[in-house]
N, C-alpha and C. Protein backbone atom coordinates (compact mmCIF):
# COMPACT_ATOMS: atom_id res chain seq x y z
N MET A 1 -0.18 -19.86 17.21
CA MET A 1 0.00 -18.46 16.97
C MET A 1 -0.17 -18.31 15.44
N SER A 2 -0.85 -17.18 15.04
CA SER A 2 -1.02 -16.89 13.62
C SER A 2 0.20 -16.20 13.10
N LYS A 3 0.33 -16.18 11.82
CA LYS A 3 1.44 -15.54 11.15
C LYS A 3 1.28 -14.02 11.16
N GLY A 4 2.38 -13.33 11.09
CA GLY A 4 2.32 -11.86 11.05
C GLY A 4 3.10 -11.34 9.88
N TYR A 5 2.61 -10.37 9.16
CA TYR A 5 3.32 -9.80 8.04
C TYR A 5 3.45 -8.27 8.19
N LEU A 6 4.56 -7.77 7.75
CA LEU A 6 4.85 -6.33 7.74
C LEU A 6 4.98 -5.93 6.28
N LEU A 7 4.00 -5.21 5.72
CA LEU A 7 4.10 -4.79 4.36
C LEU A 7 4.94 -3.54 4.22
N ASP A 8 5.73 -3.49 3.18
CA ASP A 8 6.51 -2.29 2.90
C ASP A 8 5.87 -1.52 1.74
N THR A 9 6.40 -0.37 1.50
CA THR A 9 5.86 0.50 0.46
C THR A 9 5.69 -0.18 -0.92
N PRO A 10 6.72 -0.88 -1.43
CA PRO A 10 6.54 -1.54 -2.72
C PRO A 10 5.40 -2.59 -2.74
N ALA A 11 5.14 -3.23 -1.61
CA ALA A 11 4.07 -4.17 -1.53
C ALA A 11 2.70 -3.50 -1.64
N ILE A 12 2.59 -2.36 -0.99
CA ILE A 12 1.39 -1.58 -1.08
C ILE A 12 1.12 -1.10 -2.52
N PHE A 13 2.19 -0.52 -3.13
CA PHE A 13 2.00 -0.02 -4.52
C PHE A 13 1.79 -1.21 -5.52
N THR A 14 2.37 -2.33 -5.23
CA THR A 14 2.09 -3.51 -6.12
C THR A 14 0.57 -3.82 -6.12
N LEU A 15 0.02 -3.74 -4.88
CA LEU A 15 -1.40 -3.98 -4.79
C LEU A 15 -2.27 -2.89 -5.48
N THR A 16 -1.99 -1.64 -5.17
CA THR A 16 -2.83 -0.54 -5.65
C THR A 16 -2.66 -0.36 -7.14
N ASP A 17 -1.47 -0.67 -7.65
CA ASP A 17 -1.20 -0.55 -9.14
C ASP A 17 -1.49 -1.82 -9.88
N ASN A 18 -1.95 -2.84 -9.19
CA ASN A 18 -2.31 -4.11 -9.76
C ASN A 18 -1.10 -4.64 -10.56
N GLU A 19 0.13 -4.63 -9.99
CA GLU A 19 1.27 -5.16 -10.64
C GLU A 19 1.43 -6.64 -10.35
N GLU A 20 2.43 -7.25 -10.98
CA GLU A 20 2.70 -8.61 -10.72
C GLU A 20 3.00 -8.79 -9.22
N GLY A 21 2.26 -9.78 -8.60
CA GLY A 21 2.42 -10.03 -7.16
C GLY A 21 1.29 -9.43 -6.35
N ALA A 22 0.41 -8.71 -7.02
CA ALA A 22 -0.71 -8.07 -6.36
C ALA A 22 -1.62 -9.13 -5.66
N ASP A 23 -1.70 -10.23 -6.32
CA ASP A 23 -2.54 -11.34 -5.88
C ASP A 23 -2.01 -11.89 -4.58
N VAL A 24 -0.70 -11.90 -4.40
CA VAL A 24 -0.08 -12.41 -3.17
C VAL A 24 -0.40 -11.41 -1.98
N VAL A 25 -0.30 -10.16 -2.22
CA VAL A 25 -0.61 -9.19 -1.16
C VAL A 25 -2.09 -9.27 -0.83
N GLU A 26 -2.95 -9.42 -1.84
CA GLU A 26 -4.35 -9.57 -1.68
C GLU A 26 -4.70 -10.80 -0.73
N GLU A 27 -4.02 -11.87 -1.02
CA GLU A 27 -4.22 -13.11 -0.23
C GLU A 27 -3.82 -12.90 1.24
N LEU A 28 -2.73 -12.13 1.45
CA LEU A 28 -2.34 -11.81 2.83
C LEU A 28 -3.38 -11.00 3.51
N LEU A 29 -3.93 -10.06 2.84
CA LEU A 29 -4.97 -9.21 3.41
C LEU A 29 -6.24 -9.98 3.65
N ASP A 30 -6.62 -10.90 2.79
CA ASP A 30 -7.74 -11.78 2.99
C ASP A 30 -7.59 -12.66 4.19
N GLU A 31 -6.38 -13.21 4.37
CA GLU A 31 -6.06 -14.05 5.56
C GLU A 31 -6.25 -13.24 6.83
N ALA A 32 -5.75 -11.99 6.83
CA ALA A 32 -5.83 -11.10 7.95
C ALA A 32 -7.31 -10.78 8.28
N LYS A 33 -8.10 -10.53 7.26
CA LYS A 33 -9.52 -10.24 7.37
C LYS A 33 -10.30 -11.33 8.06
N LYS A 34 -9.82 -12.59 7.74
CA LYS A 34 -10.44 -13.82 8.32
C LYS A 34 -9.88 -14.17 9.72
N GLY A 35 -8.89 -13.41 10.21
CA GLY A 35 -8.29 -13.61 11.48
C GLY A 35 -7.22 -14.70 11.46
N GLN A 36 -6.80 -15.13 10.33
CA GLN A 36 -5.78 -16.20 10.16
C GLN A 36 -4.38 -15.68 10.26
N SER A 37 -4.25 -14.37 10.14
CA SER A 37 -2.87 -13.81 10.23
C SER A 37 -3.08 -12.25 10.58
N SER A 38 -1.95 -11.60 10.78
CA SER A 38 -1.99 -10.13 11.00
C SER A 38 -1.11 -9.44 10.00
N VAL A 39 -1.62 -8.32 9.52
CA VAL A 39 -0.86 -7.51 8.53
C VAL A 39 -0.71 -6.16 9.09
N GLN A 40 0.50 -5.65 9.05
CA GLN A 40 0.79 -4.30 9.53
C GLN A 40 1.67 -3.52 8.57
N ILE A 41 1.72 -2.23 8.75
CA ILE A 41 2.69 -1.42 8.04
C ILE A 41 3.35 -0.52 9.09
N SER A 42 4.56 -0.10 8.91
CA SER A 42 5.25 0.72 9.76
C SER A 42 4.84 2.18 9.60
N ALA A 43 5.05 3.03 10.58
CA ALA A 43 4.71 4.43 10.51
C ALA A 43 5.54 5.06 9.39
N MET A 44 6.83 4.66 9.11
CA MET A 44 7.64 5.20 8.06
C MET A 44 6.96 4.79 6.73
N THR A 45 6.45 3.64 6.56
CA THR A 45 5.75 3.26 5.32
C THR A 45 4.53 4.11 5.07
N ALA A 46 3.79 4.26 6.13
CA ALA A 46 2.59 5.18 6.02
C ALA A 46 2.97 6.57 5.65
N MET A 47 4.04 7.11 6.16
CA MET A 47 4.53 8.44 5.77
C MET A 47 4.97 8.42 4.34
N GLU A 48 5.71 7.44 3.90
CA GLU A 48 6.17 7.35 2.56
C GLU A 48 5.01 7.23 1.59
N LEU A 49 3.98 6.50 1.88
CA LEU A 49 2.76 6.38 1.04
C LEU A 49 2.06 7.70 0.92
N TYR A 50 1.94 8.38 2.01
CA TYR A 50 1.30 9.68 2.02
C TYR A 50 2.14 10.63 1.16
N TYR A 51 3.44 10.67 1.31
CA TYR A 51 4.27 11.64 0.56
C TYR A 51 4.15 11.34 -0.94
N VAL A 52 4.33 10.07 -1.36
CA VAL A 52 4.32 9.75 -2.76
C VAL A 52 2.99 10.04 -3.38
N THR A 53 1.86 9.69 -2.72
CA THR A 53 0.56 9.94 -3.31
C THR A 53 0.19 11.41 -3.36
N SER A 54 0.63 12.15 -2.35
CA SER A 54 0.37 13.63 -2.39
C SER A 54 1.15 14.28 -3.44
N GLU A 55 2.40 13.81 -3.69
CA GLU A 55 3.23 14.34 -4.79
C GLU A 55 2.57 14.02 -6.11
N GLU A 56 2.07 12.83 -6.31
CA GLU A 56 1.48 12.47 -7.54
C GLU A 56 0.14 13.28 -7.74
N ARG A 57 -0.54 13.47 -6.76
CA ARG A 57 -1.75 14.32 -6.87
C ARG A 57 -1.40 15.78 -7.20
N GLY A 58 -0.34 16.23 -6.61
CA GLY A 58 0.14 17.64 -6.89
C GLY A 58 0.49 17.77 -8.38
N GLU A 59 1.25 16.73 -8.86
CA GLU A 59 1.60 16.74 -10.29
C GLU A 59 0.33 16.80 -11.15
N GLU A 60 -0.61 15.94 -10.85
CA GLU A 60 -1.88 15.90 -11.60
C GLU A 60 -2.60 17.23 -11.57
N GLY A 61 -2.58 17.82 -10.40
CA GLY A 61 -3.20 19.16 -10.30
C GLY A 61 -2.52 20.25 -11.09
N ARG A 62 -1.13 20.21 -11.10
CA ARG A 62 -0.41 21.17 -11.93
C ARG A 62 -0.67 21.00 -13.35
N GLY A 63 -0.85 19.78 -13.76
CA GLY A 63 -1.09 19.50 -15.18
C GLY A 63 -2.39 20.01 -15.68
N ARG A 64 -3.29 20.24 -14.71
CA ARG A 64 -4.65 20.76 -15.05
C ARG A 64 -4.84 22.21 -14.74
N GLY A 65 -3.74 22.89 -14.49
CA GLY A 65 -3.83 24.37 -14.27
C GLY A 65 -4.37 24.69 -12.92
N LYS A 66 -4.16 23.84 -11.92
CA LYS A 66 -4.76 24.12 -10.56
C LYS A 66 -3.64 24.63 -9.61
N ASP A 67 -2.57 25.30 -10.10
CA ASP A 67 -1.53 25.83 -9.26
C ASP A 67 -2.02 27.05 -8.50
């Protein structure tokens, strides 16, 4: 049986922000792409990612006079 991983929000942001540990998350995703493991996120993590990124985009938009 292959390994399974559940990524949380900090793991996703570590990868997208290229922070320390991003290489570890990238390795897990590469393993999953090769069928050597499975990687999942919870619905709550997906909602949190959506909320945080939409808030960040909203702040960027307000800073550019797009209100």
